[in-house]
Each structure stands twice: as structure tokens, then as C-alpha cells.
Protein backbone atom coordinates (compact mmCIF):
# COMPACT_ATOMS: atom_id res chain seq x y z
CA MET A 1 -1.31 15.25 -9.09
CA SER A 2 -3.64 17.73 -10.72
CA ILE A 3 -7.41 17.32 -10.66
CA GLN A 4 -7.29 16.81 -14.42
CA GLN A 5 -4.85 13.94 -13.94
CA MET A 6 -7.07 12.36 -11.29
CA LEU A 7 -10.13 12.59 -13.50
CA LEU A 8 -8.36 11.14 -16.50
CA GLY A 9 -6.74 8.29 -14.58
CA ALA A 10 -3.13 9.45 -15.02
CA GLY A 11 -0.21 7.10 -14.59
CA ALA A 12 -0.77 4.54 -17.33
CA VAL A 13 2.45 3.54 -19.05
CA ALA A 14 2.47 2.14 -22.57
CA GLY A 15 4.82 -0.46 -23.96
CA PRO A 16 6.15 -3.82 -22.74
CA PHE A 17 6.96 -4.20 -19.05
CA ASP A 18 10.37 -5.62 -18.14
CA PRO A 19 10.57 -6.67 -14.46
CA ARG A 20 14.38 -6.37 -14.51
CA LYS A 21 13.98 -2.63 -15.07
CA HIS A 22 12.16 -2.34 -11.75
CA PHE A 23 13.38 -5.01 -9.33
CA ASP A 24 16.33 -7.35 -9.06
CA VAL A 25 18.41 -9.39 -6.64
CA LYS A 26 22.15 -8.76 -6.41
CA LEU A 27 24.57 -11.26 -4.85
CA TYR A 28 28.14 -10.22 -4.10
CA THR A 29 31.13 -11.05 -1.94
CA GLY A 30 32.33 -8.54 0.61
CA ASN A 31 35.87 -7.15 0.53
CA ASN A 32 35.92 -4.77 3.55
CA ALA A 33 36.90 -1.92 1.22
CA THR A 34 35.23 0.21 -1.41
CA ASN A 35 32.98 -2.22 -3.29
CA THR A 36 30.81 -1.03 -6.19
CA GLN A 37 28.12 -3.36 -7.46
CA THR A 38 26.94 -2.88 -11.06
CA GLY A 39 24.80 -4.64 -13.63
CA LEU A 40 21.29 -3.75 -12.52
CA GLY A 41 18.93 -2.68 -15.29
CA PHE A 42 18.10 0.53 -13.41
CA SER A 43 19.39 2.99 -10.85
CA PRO A 44 18.08 1.61 -7.52
CA ASP A 45 16.09 3.76 -5.13
CA LEU A 46 15.57 1.18 -2.39
CA VAL A 47 18.41 -1.19 -1.49
CA TRP A 48 17.79 -3.74 1.27
CA ILE A 49 21.02 -5.57 2.22
CA LYS A 50 21.70 -8.62 4.39
CA ASN A 51 25.00 -10.27 5.20
CA ARG A 52 24.24 -13.95 4.60
CA THR A 53 27.33 -15.17 6.45
CA ASP A 54 27.02 -13.63 9.90
CA SER A 55 24.45 -12.25 12.32
CA SER A 56 24.41 -8.62 11.27
CA ALA A 57 21.16 -6.68 11.17
CA HIS A 58 19.44 -6.09 7.84
CA ARG A 59 20.20 -2.64 6.40
CA VAL A 60 17.59 -0.62 4.45
CA PHE A 61 18.68 2.41 2.37
CA ASP A 62 16.81 4.68 -0.06
CA THR A 63 17.45 7.68 -2.25
CA ILE A 64 15.02 10.05 -0.50
CA ARG A 65 16.73 9.80 2.88
CA GLY A 66 20.10 9.50 1.15
CA ALA A 67 23.02 7.09 1.10
CA THR A 68 24.51 6.34 4.55
CA GLU A 69 21.10 6.74 6.28
CA ALA A 70 20.31 3.24 7.52
CA LEU A 71 17.31 1.56 9.08
CA TYR A 72 17.38 -2.00 10.43
CA SER A 73 14.37 -4.16 9.58
CA SER A 74 15.22 -6.56 12.40
CA HIS A 75 15.42 -3.80 15.04
CA THR A 76 13.35 -0.92 16.38
CA ASP A 77 16.30 1.51 16.21
CA ALA A 78 15.80 5.02 14.91
CA GLU A 79 17.50 6.05 11.68
CA TYR A 80 21.27 5.89 11.98
CA THR A 81 23.98 7.49 9.86
CA GLU A 82 26.50 4.85 8.80
CA SER A 83 29.26 6.54 6.83
CA THR A 84 30.95 3.20 6.07
CA ALA A 85 27.88 1.28 4.91
CA LEU A 86 26.12 2.12 1.62
CA THR A 87 27.86 5.26 0.45
CA ALA A 88 26.37 5.88 -3.01
CA PHE A 89 23.62 4.93 -5.43
CA THR A 90 24.86 4.61 -9.01
CA SER A 91 23.22 4.43 -12.44
CA ASP A 92 23.14 0.62 -12.35
CA GLY A 93 23.96 -0.32 -8.76
CA PHE A 94 25.45 1.00 -5.53
CA THR A 95 28.68 1.34 -3.57
CA VAL A 96 29.37 -0.02 -0.09
CA SER A 97 32.33 0.57 2.20
CA THR A 98 33.84 -1.21 5.21
CA GLU A 99 30.76 -1.86 7.38
CA ASN A 100 30.66 -5.61 8.06
CA ALA A 101 26.86 -5.83 7.69
CA VAL A 102 27.07 -4.81 4.02
CA ASN A 103 30.65 -5.68 3.04
CA GLY A 104 32.32 -8.07 5.49
CA SER A 105 35.54 -9.52 4.13
CA SER A 106 34.82 -12.66 2.06
CA ASP A 107 31.21 -12.69 3.34
CA ALA A 108 28.32 -13.62 1.07
CA ILE A 109 25.91 -10.66 0.75
CA VAL A 110 22.46 -10.24 -0.82
CA ALA A 111 20.84 -6.95 -1.88
CA TRP A 112 17.21 -6.65 -2.95
CA CYS A 113 16.82 -3.57 -5.14
CA TRP A 114 13.74 -1.63 -6.28
CA ASN A 115 13.31 1.21 -8.77
CA ALA A 116 11.08 4.09 -7.63
CA GLY A 117 11.04 5.78 -11.03
CA ASN A 118 13.19 7.86 -13.31
CA ALA A 119 12.37 11.29 -11.91
CA ALA A 120 15.49 13.32 -11.19
CA SER A 121 14.00 14.62 -7.95
CA THR A 122 11.26 13.82 -5.48
CA THR A 123 7.70 15.14 -5.61
CA SER A 124 6.41 17.32 -2.78
CA ILE A 125 2.69 17.18 -1.99
CA SER A 126 1.21 19.87 0.23
CA VAL A 127 -1.71 19.48 2.61
CA GLY A 128 -4.94 19.42 0.57
CA ALA A 129 -3.15 18.98 -2.77
CA TYR A 130 -5.53 16.18 -3.79
CA ASN A 131 -8.71 18.06 -2.87
CA LEU A 132 -11.16 18.02 -5.79
CA ASN A 133 -12.22 21.63 -5.36
CA ASP A 134 -11.15 23.53 -8.46
CA VAL A 135 -14.31 22.64 -10.40
CA THR A 136 -17.83 23.90 -9.66
CA TRP A 137 -19.45 20.48 -9.81
CA SER A 138 -22.94 21.79 -9.04
CA ASP A 139 -22.95 23.76 -12.32
CA SER A 140 -23.37 20.43 -14.13
CA ALA A 141 -26.05 19.10 -11.75
CA SER A 142 -29.81 19.30 -12.19
CA GLY A 143 -33.06 17.99 -10.71
CA GLY A 144 -34.19 17.61 -7.14
CA THR A 145 -36.32 19.71 -4.83
CA ASN A 146 -33.56 21.92 -3.46
CA ALA A 147 -30.13 23.30 -4.34
CA SER A 148 -27.66 20.90 -5.96
CA THR A 149 -24.88 22.82 -4.19
CA ASN A 150 -25.85 20.90 -1.05
CA ALA A 151 -24.11 17.84 -2.47
CA PHE A 152 -20.85 19.70 -3.05
CA ASP A 153 -20.49 22.02 -0.03
CA SER A 154 -18.75 19.54 2.34
CA THR A 155 -21.59 19.61 4.84
CA ASN A 156 -24.28 17.09 5.76
CA ALA A 157 -26.95 19.18 4.05
CA ARG A 158 -28.37 16.90 1.37
CA TRP A 159 -29.59 17.32 -2.18
CA ASN A 160 -33.14 15.88 -2.15
CA VAL A 161 -35.52 14.14 -4.50
CA ASP A 162 -39.11 13.19 -3.58
CA SER A 163 -40.35 11.47 -6.75
CA THR A 164 -39.80 8.10 -8.39
CA SER A 165 -40.09 9.74 -11.80
CA THR A 166 -36.99 9.27 -13.92
CA SER A 167 -37.19 12.91 -14.96
CA SER A 168 -36.87 13.95 -11.30
CA ALA A 169 -33.63 12.06 -10.70
CA LEU A 170 -30.64 13.94 -9.33
CA THR A 171 -28.50 14.21 -12.46
CA MET A 172 -24.82 15.05 -12.89
CA THR A 173 -22.72 15.23 -16.05
CA PHE A 174 -18.92 15.22 -16.27
CA SER A 175 -16.52 16.27 -18.99
CA PRO A 176 -13.97 14.75 -19.06
CA GLY A 177 -15.42 11.54 -17.63
CA LEU A 178 -14.55 10.29 -14.16
CA ASN A 179 -12.30 7.25 -13.71
CA GLY A 180 -12.10 5.28 -10.50
CA THR A 181 -14.20 4.32 -7.50
CA LEU A 182 -17.30 6.42 -6.75
CA SER A 183 -18.90 6.50 -3.32
CA PHE A 184 -21.37 8.76 -1.53
CA SER A 185 -22.85 9.78 1.81
CA HIS A 186 -26.63 9.48 1.79
CA PHE A 187 -29.76 9.93 3.87
CA GLY A 188 -33.34 8.91 3.24
CA ALA A 189 -36.36 7.72 5.21
CA ASN A 190 -36.30 3.99 5.72
CA GLN A 191 -39.37 3.46 3.48
CA CYS A 192 -37.39 4.75 0.48
CA THR A 193 -35.26 2.70 -1.90
CA PHE A 194 -32.85 4.28 -4.35
CA GLN A 195 -30.44 3.25 -7.08
CA TRP A 196 -27.61 4.83 -9.07
CA GLU A 197 -27.60 5.05 -12.83
CA VAL A 198 -24.16 5.28 -14.50
CA ASN A 199 -23.92 6.27 -18.16
CA GLY A 200 -27.57 5.36 -18.66
CA SER A 201 -27.53 1.96 -16.93
CA LEU A 202 -28.74 1.14 -13.44
CA VAL A 203 -26.00 -0.22 -11.18
CA GLY A 204 -26.57 -3.08 -8.77
CA SER A 205 -29.81 -3.46 -6.81
CA PRO A 206 -31.95 -0.79 -5.11
CA HIS A 207 -30.61 0.31 -1.73
CA ALA A 208 -32.83 0.68 1.29
CA GLY A 209 -32.99 4.15 2.75
CA SER A 210 -31.75 4.93 6.23
CA ASP A 211 -32.73 7.29 9.01
CA SER A 212 -29.08 8.27 9.55
CA TYR A 213 -26.22 9.30 7.33
CA ALA A 214 -24.16 6.46 5.85
CA THR A 215 -21.41 6.13 3.26
CA ASP A 216 -21.60 3.46 0.55
CA THR A 217 -19.73 2.57 -2.63
CA ILE A 218 -21.38 3.00 -6.02
CA GLY A 219 -18.68 1.07 -7.87
CA SER A 220 -15.51 1.37 -9.93
CA PHE A 221 -15.86 2.74 -13.46
CA THR A 222 -14.06 4.30 -16.39
CA ASN A 223 -15.22 7.41 -18.24
CA VAL A 224 -18.35 8.22 -16.24
CA THR A 225 -20.00 11.10 -18.12
CA SER A 226 -23.51 10.76 -16.64
CA LEU A 227 -24.50 9.92 -13.06
CA LYS A 228 -28.04 9.84 -11.66
CA TYR A 229 -29.47 9.21 -8.19
CA ARG A 230 -32.96 7.73 -8.60
CA VAL A 231 -35.64 6.96 -6.02
CA ILE A 232 -37.10 3.59 -7.01
CA THR A 233 -39.86 3.21 -4.41
CA ALA A 234 -41.15 5.68 -1.85
CA SER A 235 -44.08 6.24 0.49
CA SER A 236 -45.99 9.50 0.29
CA GLY A 237 -43.90 12.37 1.53
CA THR A 238 -40.70 10.33 1.72
CA VAL A 239 -37.51 12.09 0.68
CA GLY A 240 -34.31 10.54 -0.66
CA GLY A 241 -31.04 12.27 -1.29
CA PHE A 242 -27.30 12.38 -0.76
CA ALA A 243 -24.92 14.81 0.90
CA ARG A 244 -21.44 14.06 -0.44
CA LEU A 245 -19.89 12.41 -3.49
CA TYR A 246 -16.37 10.92 -3.55
CA LEU A 247 -13.97 9.89 -6.30
CA ASN A 248 -11.23 7.48 -5.19
CA GLY A 249 -11.91 8.46 -1.60
CA VAL A 250 -11.62 12.20 -2.25
CA GLU A 251 -14.68 14.40 -1.77
CA LEU A 252 -15.94 16.42 -4.75
CA VAL A 253 -16.58 19.98 -3.53
CA ASP A 254 -17.34 23.14 -5.46
CA ASP A 255 -14.65 25.62 -6.39
CA GLY A 256 -13.78 27.74 -3.37
CA VAL A 257 -15.15 25.29 -0.80
CA THR A 258 -12.65 23.87 1.70
CA PRO A 259 -13.35 20.18 2.29
CA SER A 260 -14.02 19.10 5.86
CA VAL A 261 -11.08 16.71 5.48
CA ASN A 262 -8.01 17.74 3.51
CA VAL A 263 -6.47 15.09 1.25
CA PRO A 264 -3.72 14.52 2.09
CA SER A 265 -3.66 15.99 5.59
CA ILE A 266 0.12 15.56 5.96
CA ALA A 267 2.66 17.22 3.69
CA THR A 268 4.43 14.46 1.79
CA GLU A 269 7.61 13.95 -0.20
CA TYR A 270 7.77 10.90 -2.44
CA LYS A 271 9.46 9.25 -5.35
CA ALA A 272 7.05 7.02 -7.26
CA ASN A 273 7.09 4.46 -10.06
CA PRO A 274 3.38 3.89 -10.84
CA ALA A 275 4.19 1.50 -13.70
CA ALA A 276 5.82 -0.87 -11.20
CA GLY A 277 3.51 -0.03 -8.33
CA PHE A 278 6.21 1.21 -5.95
CA SER A 279 6.86 4.45 -4.11
CA ILE A 280 9.10 5.70 -1.32
CA VAL A 281 7.46 8.30 0.93
CA THR A 282 8.70 10.51 3.75
CA TYR A 283 6.49 12.60 6.02
CA THR A 284 6.45 14.23 9.45
CA GLY A 285 3.68 13.52 11.96
CA VAL A 286 1.33 16.40 12.76
CA ASN A 287 -0.63 15.32 15.84
CA ASN A 288 -0.98 12.65 18.53
CA ALA A 289 -4.73 12.21 18.45
CA THR A 290 -6.57 12.14 15.11
CA PRO A 291 -6.34 10.21 11.84
CA THR A 292 -4.31 11.78 9.04
CA SER A 293 -3.32 10.80 5.50
CA PHE A 294 -0.24 11.02 3.29
CA GLY A 295 0.06 10.87 -0.50
CA HIS A 296 1.83 7.93 -2.13
CA GLY A 297 1.93 8.84 -5.85
CA LEU A 298 0.94 5.44 -7.26
CA ASN A 299 -2.47 6.29 -8.78
CA SER A 300 -3.60 2.83 -7.59
CA GLU A 301 -4.41 1.36 -4.20
CA PRO A 302 -1.38 0.12 -2.23
CA LYS A 303 -1.80 -3.48 -1.10
CA PHE A 304 1.40 -3.62 0.96
CA VAL A 305 2.75 -0.74 3.06
CA ILE A 306 5.73 -0.74 5.43
CA ILE A 307 6.24 2.26 7.75
CA LYS A 308 9.11 3.10 10.12
CA ASN A 309 9.42 5.91 12.66
CA ARG A 310 12.82 7.36 11.78
CA THR A 311 13.12 9.55 14.87
CA ASP A 312 12.40 7.11 17.69
CA ALA A 313 13.00 3.47 18.55
CA GLU A 314 9.59 2.13 17.53
CA ASP A 315 8.35 -0.98 15.75
CA TRP A 316 8.00 -1.25 11.99
CA ALA A 317 4.30 -1.18 11.03
CA VAL A 318 2.97 -3.25 8.12
CA TYR A 319 -0.32 -3.03 6.26
CA HIS A 320 -1.24 -5.97 4.04
CA ALA A 321 -4.53 -5.95 2.14
CA SER A 322 -5.20 -9.63 2.90
CA VAL A 323 -5.02 -8.94 6.64
CA GLY A 324 -7.25 -5.89 6.23
CA ASN A 325 -7.40 -2.37 7.54
CA THR A 326 -8.37 -3.23 11.12
CA LYS A 327 -5.11 -5.04 11.88
CA TYR A 328 -1.40 -4.36 11.73
CA LEU A 329 1.74 -6.47 11.58
CA GLN A 330 5.29 -5.68 12.72
CA LEU A 331 8.17 -6.28 10.33
CA ASN A 332 10.70 -6.54 13.17
CA GLU A 333 8.66 -9.12 15.11
CA ASN A 334 7.25 -12.63 14.65
CA THR A 335 3.93 -11.70 16.27
CA ALA A 336 0.49 -12.36 14.79
CA ALA A 337 -1.69 -9.76 13.08
CA THR A 338 -3.24 -7.59 15.79
CA ASP A 339 -6.50 -5.61 15.81
CA ASP A 340 -5.85 -1.92 16.54
CA SER A 341 -7.46 1.12 14.89
CA GLY A 342 -4.51 3.21 16.06
CA TYR A 343 -2.61 2.18 12.92
CA TRP A 344 -4.83 2.50 9.82
CA ASN A 345 -7.97 3.93 11.45
CA ASP A 346 -9.81 0.93 9.96
CA THR A 347 -9.39 2.62 6.57
CA SER A 348 -7.86 1.02 3.48
CA PRO A 349 -5.42 2.97 1.30
CA THR A 350 -6.95 4.71 -1.69
CA THR A 351 -5.54 5.52 -5.11
CA THR A 352 -4.16 8.75 -3.66
CA VAL A 353 -3.49 8.41 0.09
CA VAL A 354 -2.69 6.09 2.98
CA THR A 355 -4.53 6.83 6.22
CA VAL A 356 -2.65 6.55 9.52
CA ASN A 357 -3.89 7.13 13.04
CA ASN A 358 -2.15 7.91 16.32
CA SER A 359 0.20 4.99 17.00
CA ALA A 360 3.78 6.19 17.42
CA ASP A 361 4.72 3.54 14.86
CA VAL A 362 2.91 5.46 12.09
CA GLN A 363 2.20 9.05 13.14
CA ARG A 364 3.27 11.27 16.05
CA ILE A 365 3.76 15.00 16.08
CA SER A 366 7.21 16.17 14.88
CA ARG A 367 8.41 12.61 14.24
CA ASP A 368 9.84 11.73 10.82
CA TYR A 369 8.64 8.62 8.98
CA LEU A 370 9.54 6.44 6.01
CA ALA A 371 6.78 4.61 4.13
CA LEU A 372 7.35 2.00 1.43
CA CYS A 373 4.21 1.49 -0.66
CA TRP A 374 3.42 -1.21 -3.20
CA SER A 375 0.36 -1.70 -5.38
CA GLU A 376 -0.21 -4.76 -7.52
CA VAL A 377 0.92 -4.89 -11.14
CA GLU A 378 -0.43 -7.86 -13.06
CA GLY A 379 2.32 -10.26 -14.03
CA TYR A 380 4.89 -8.51 -11.82
CA SER A 381 3.75 -8.18 -8.20
CA LYS A 382 1.21 -9.91 -6.00
CA PHE A 383 0.27 -9.44 -2.34
CA GLY A 384 -1.98 -12.30 -1.39
CA GLU A 385 -2.78 -14.99 1.13
CA PHE A 386 -3.03 -18.77 1.29
CA THR A 387 -3.83 -21.51 3.76
CA GLY A 388 -1.17 -24.03 4.62
CA THR A 389 -1.85 -27.73 4.25
CA GLY A 390 0.93 -29.25 6.33
CA ALA A 391 1.76 -31.46 3.36
CA SER A 392 3.76 -31.28 0.15
CA GLY A 393 2.20 -30.10 -3.09
CA ASN A 394 0.60 -26.90 -1.75
CA SER A 395 0.59 -24.79 -4.92
CA ILE A 396 -0.09 -21.03 -4.81
CA THR A 397 -0.79 -19.04 -7.97
CA CYS A 398 0.36 -15.44 -8.27
CA GLY A 399 0.38 -15.19 -12.07
CA PHE A 400 4.14 -15.25 -12.68
CA GLU A 401 7.35 -16.95 -11.64
CA PRO A 402 8.72 -15.11 -8.60
CA THR A 403 12.17 -13.60 -8.38
CA PHE A 404 11.53 -12.70 -4.74
CA LEU A 405 9.07 -14.08 -2.21
CA MET A 406 8.28 -13.07 1.38
CA ILE A 407 5.89 -15.17 3.51
CA LYS A 408 4.44 -14.48 6.98
CA ARG A 409 1.93 -16.51 8.99
CA GLN A 410 -1.03 -14.33 9.99
CA GLY A 411 -1.69 -15.90 13.36
CA ASN A 412 -4.46 -18.35 14.10
CA GLY A 413 -3.91 -19.20 17.75
CA SER A 414 -1.22 -21.84 17.27
CA ASP A 415 1.91 -21.66 19.41
CA GLY A 416 3.83 -21.46 16.14
CA ASP A 417 2.59 -17.89 15.64
CA THR A 418 4.72 -16.26 18.31
CA THR A 419 7.66 -18.65 18.10
CA TYR A 420 8.14 -19.14 14.37
CA GLY A 421 5.86 -16.53 12.78
CA SER A 422 8.67 -14.58 11.15
CA TRP A 423 8.99 -12.95 7.72
CA ILE A 424 10.85 -15.48 5.57
CA MET A 425 12.67 -13.97 2.56
CA LEU A 426 13.46 -16.12 -0.50
CA ASP A 427 14.65 -15.39 -4.03
CA ASN A 428 15.70 -17.13 -7.23
CA LYS A 429 19.40 -16.35 -6.79
CA ARG A 430 19.69 -18.17 -3.45
CA THR A 431 18.41 -21.69 -4.07
CA GLY A 432 20.47 -23.86 -1.74
CA ALA A 433 18.68 -26.06 0.79
CA ASN A 434 19.09 -23.57 3.65
CA ASP A 435 19.24 -20.28 1.72
CA GLN A 436 16.49 -18.55 3.69
CA LEU A 437 16.64 -15.28 5.63
CA PHE A 438 14.10 -13.57 7.87
CA ALA A 439 13.37 -9.82 7.80
CA ASN A 440 13.03 -9.68 11.59
CA CYS A 441 16.07 -11.86 12.38
CA PRO A 442 19.73 -10.74 12.23
CA GLN A 443 20.95 -14.34 12.13
CA ALA A 444 22.93 -15.68 9.19
CA GLU A 445 21.34 -17.58 6.34
CA GLY A 446 19.86 -20.95 7.22
CA GLY A 447 17.96 -19.96 10.35
CA ARG A 448 14.40 -20.47 11.45
CA GLY A 449 11.64 -18.08 12.45
CA ASP A 450 12.62 -18.19 16.12
CA CYS A 451 15.79 -16.32 15.07
CA SER A 452 18.03 -18.94 16.69
CA SER A 453 17.62 -22.53 15.46
CA THR A 454 18.39 -23.73 11.92
CA ALA A 455 16.75 -25.85 9.20
CA ASP A 456 16.88 -26.53 5.46
CA GLN A 457 13.64 -24.63 4.72
CA ARG A 458 14.56 -23.25 1.29
CA SER A 459 14.45 -26.79 -0.08
CA TYR A 460 10.72 -26.91 0.71
CA VAL A 461 9.85 -23.99 -1.59
CA SER A 462 9.84 -24.27 -5.39
CA PHE A 463 9.22 -21.35 -7.72
CA THR A 464 6.95 -22.30 -10.62
CA SER A 465 5.99 -20.54 -13.85
CA THR A 466 2.76 -19.34 -12.20
CA GLY A 467 3.74 -18.94 -8.56
CA PHE A 468 5.26 -21.22 -5.92
CA GLU A 469 4.79 -24.65 -4.37
CA LEU A 470 5.38 -25.58 -0.74
CA GLY A 471 6.58 -28.82 0.75
CA SER A 472 5.97 -30.17 4.24
CA GLY A 473 4.51 -28.27 7.15
CA TYR A 474 7.14 -26.02 8.69
CA TYR A 475 5.54 -23.41 10.96
CA GLU A 476 7.13 -20.66 8.83
CA LEU A 477 5.79 -21.93 5.49
CA ASN A 478 3.01 -24.47 5.38
CA ASP A 479 1.44 -25.17 8.76
CA THR A 480 -2.34 -25.62 8.67
CA VAL A 481 -2.98 -21.90 9.23
CA ASP A 482 -3.33 -18.74 7.12
CA TYR A 483 -0.35 -16.94 5.59
CA ILE A 484 0.24 -13.73 3.68
CA TYR A 485 2.88 -13.23 1.01
CA ALA A 486 4.53 -10.61 -1.18
CA ALA A 487 5.93 -11.73 -4.52
CA PHE A 488 7.82 -9.96 -7.32
CA ALA A 489 8.67 -11.33 -10.75
């Protein structure tokens, strides 16, 4: 993405949005021979297959890694070449061969398919490609008692103001206007209060100064052409000021200045469909110690991210916005959300990058990774949370009727968390009483979250025009604890 694209908020797509051009569920019967499935409204880039009849592991395939390169959502296994599994992606479907997990003779099979865009090839993003350093921002800055370049040199030297006069405010102008979330690193004596003015209007309430550097959010805006930092109250001799300014998490630095943190800090290859909020990313880890970031290509903040170490037998790592950036989940396990900065470095994804730390599940030197990233698209996708009631009639609104729904209990100390806290997968093509599968369980359809017992759980979930409604209190669905979900129209 160019700086011009970032400033202008690139990625908007005009025209009506048809969910069937971006996601669909395909049911088919295996024949243990070449079996081509057609009829999708798009050429799929991610195909997730499960044999509904027997206990074969889930298979996950994508166009970046290539047909035949399988990962198993229910296992920790490294990437494995299966020449007789999914053998080709086609213009409106895919072809499978003799592997039982994807094409067992007379077996019922389900494939969940996503479109990662119409680009003929992937996009490669180099280290630092998102740095906002090809504009001399300080040329359009005025005011203050020292050099405005201090705010755009990627150091902690600050641009100061020592007067409450409006005419003394630190003033910046932008053409074209900025779009997105603005934040800043500031410093001021604790007797000082300051406030930002955006396009001529003060934003929020005055902030108290601090005797140490801190980073705060100004807000999210469109077409910011004028930005001012104003001291509202100050004692004699008190100085206010700021040291760094960020747009969508990326530091604005003057032309020729190398930011202290490159964005992204890992070279990335991706295929992205911003209109549908979905991208497939591959990257290689660069260290074992410090936080890094990779580009995702969505131009909006991912709310749901799944990462798998392709090189080693490691767990699948999951970020869900409702759980937050301090915790991680594991797609291949039924365990509760766990606090660990080694996954996301306590940092939420931005409109440009996902931050990962030093867990082997997300980033280790010379290890290859796959990341699946989803942002929300109104009326099409929702990644939310709800609290179970243990009773029928628990209605959850996501703004559309789901085609696919995944639910996972977060973990609230109940013994159901570690026994039944699995990732239940439901869709509108499989509506029988026991037509449920679990992402972390290889068992056939009809199982429970312990990956062994059975129950008619699908009959306790109804899709509605605005979301879904849950029946009685199964641990997996509607216990009196907190749950997360991912839904697609």
C-alpha cells in the first residue's frame, strides 16, 4: 500500500455486496476418485474440509501455499503435502482425489470456502513498506517554542508549546486529509492540561499532563486537514508538547528519517479481499525475542486472526477482539483463553499490521507461518461475544442471518471449559439435529466438545434473520458463562 493510499483510506468498494461471491458452504459425497466440486460464485482461496462421516482430521488448504499443502485444524502437525487430497482450485470450486479425509467413498463431506480476492497473484510487502516517511510532515507544521521537526524525527525529543494562547498552538495541515485513527506520544508537566483540535473543533476533554512519556489516542476521523495541539491550562513556566504522531498505528516521520520501528517488521506475502474483510498471509519468523509485525492487506482492523506454524508441530494461535490482545486461544484445543504477552504483545491489530511476539506458535526465527485474517463487514461478518443463559430463548444479534457460525466458550472457571470448551462449527446447509462439528475434534458429525461423546446439539441452535438463538444450556453453547463467536452471512 502506498502512503497516498493510506492517507486516502484506500480499499473501499462500490456497488452491492453479495455474500455468495465471498463465502459459501459446499456439501458433497465422496467417491474415492477424482471429484471436482463446482457451483461456487467465486474461485475459492481458502477451502476448509471435514469428512462428516468418519473421524478424519479437518483439512485446511489455500491458494498461497498451493493445492496439496494441508494443515489440520484439529492437530498440531506441521504442514504436510498430500498429493491425493485437494489437488486443484478451479474457477468455481475445487478438485479432490482419493484421500479419505476429503473424498471417502460414499462419505458425506463439507467444505467451507472463502474468497481472498480476484488478484491473479499475491502481494509482497517488504520490511518498512508501510512506513509513513516519504512526506516531510514538518514542512506543514507551525507554532511552538522549538523545531517542529522534533515531532517527526522518530525520537523522544518533543515539539513544545508554553502558552495557552490559541495562536501559539502546535498546528499541522494535511493535503490530502488524513483518514483513520490518530494517536500521539506526549510529555508535559503534571500542572498542564492540553486538548486536540481537529478541523477547527476541540475533541473530547482536556488531558492532564504527565511527567513521563505516554501514548494516547486522539480519535478516529475522516479527512483531517487541520490538527492542533493546544495547552488549555498551565502554571507559569510549564511546557506541554508531543514527540510522535501516528496514523493507524504507523508513525509519521519526515522524508529520509528511518522510524524506530519498521511497519511491518516482517516481510509478508498476502492475498487480500478488503471488501469481504478476509486475507491469507504467509511470513517467516525473524527472531526469538522481540515483537514484530506483518501486513495483512485489509485496510481495516482484523477482529479474528488464526495463525499456524507451518514448519513445526505447534498449536494453532487465535486472536479474537472480544477476548482482547492480552490473551490467546488455541484452535486445536478446548482450553480457555489464556493471558500471555508472548502472542500479541498486548497489542491489537491495526488497519495495516498484526503484531506478534516470541511464542513459537506465532513467530520464531526461520519458521514459516500461515495467518488467516478477518475484519468485520457490516451485514456479512461479525466477531462478537455473548453470555449464556442456560435456558432457551437466548437470542444473539449479529445483523444478518448466518450461513456459518463458530462458537467457543471463553473460560470462566467452570469445569466445562477444559472438557467441553471446543470450537463448534455450524452452517445453514447442515441442519439435522446432530449436524455439528468441532474445529479441534477429528470425530464424525454429531459429537460433543470433549471430542468423544455425542449429542443432538445442532437442534438447539436456530439461525434467525438478525443472528441466532440458542436453546438449553449445553456447555458448548449456552452455559451461564461467556462465549465468543464468528459468523458469516
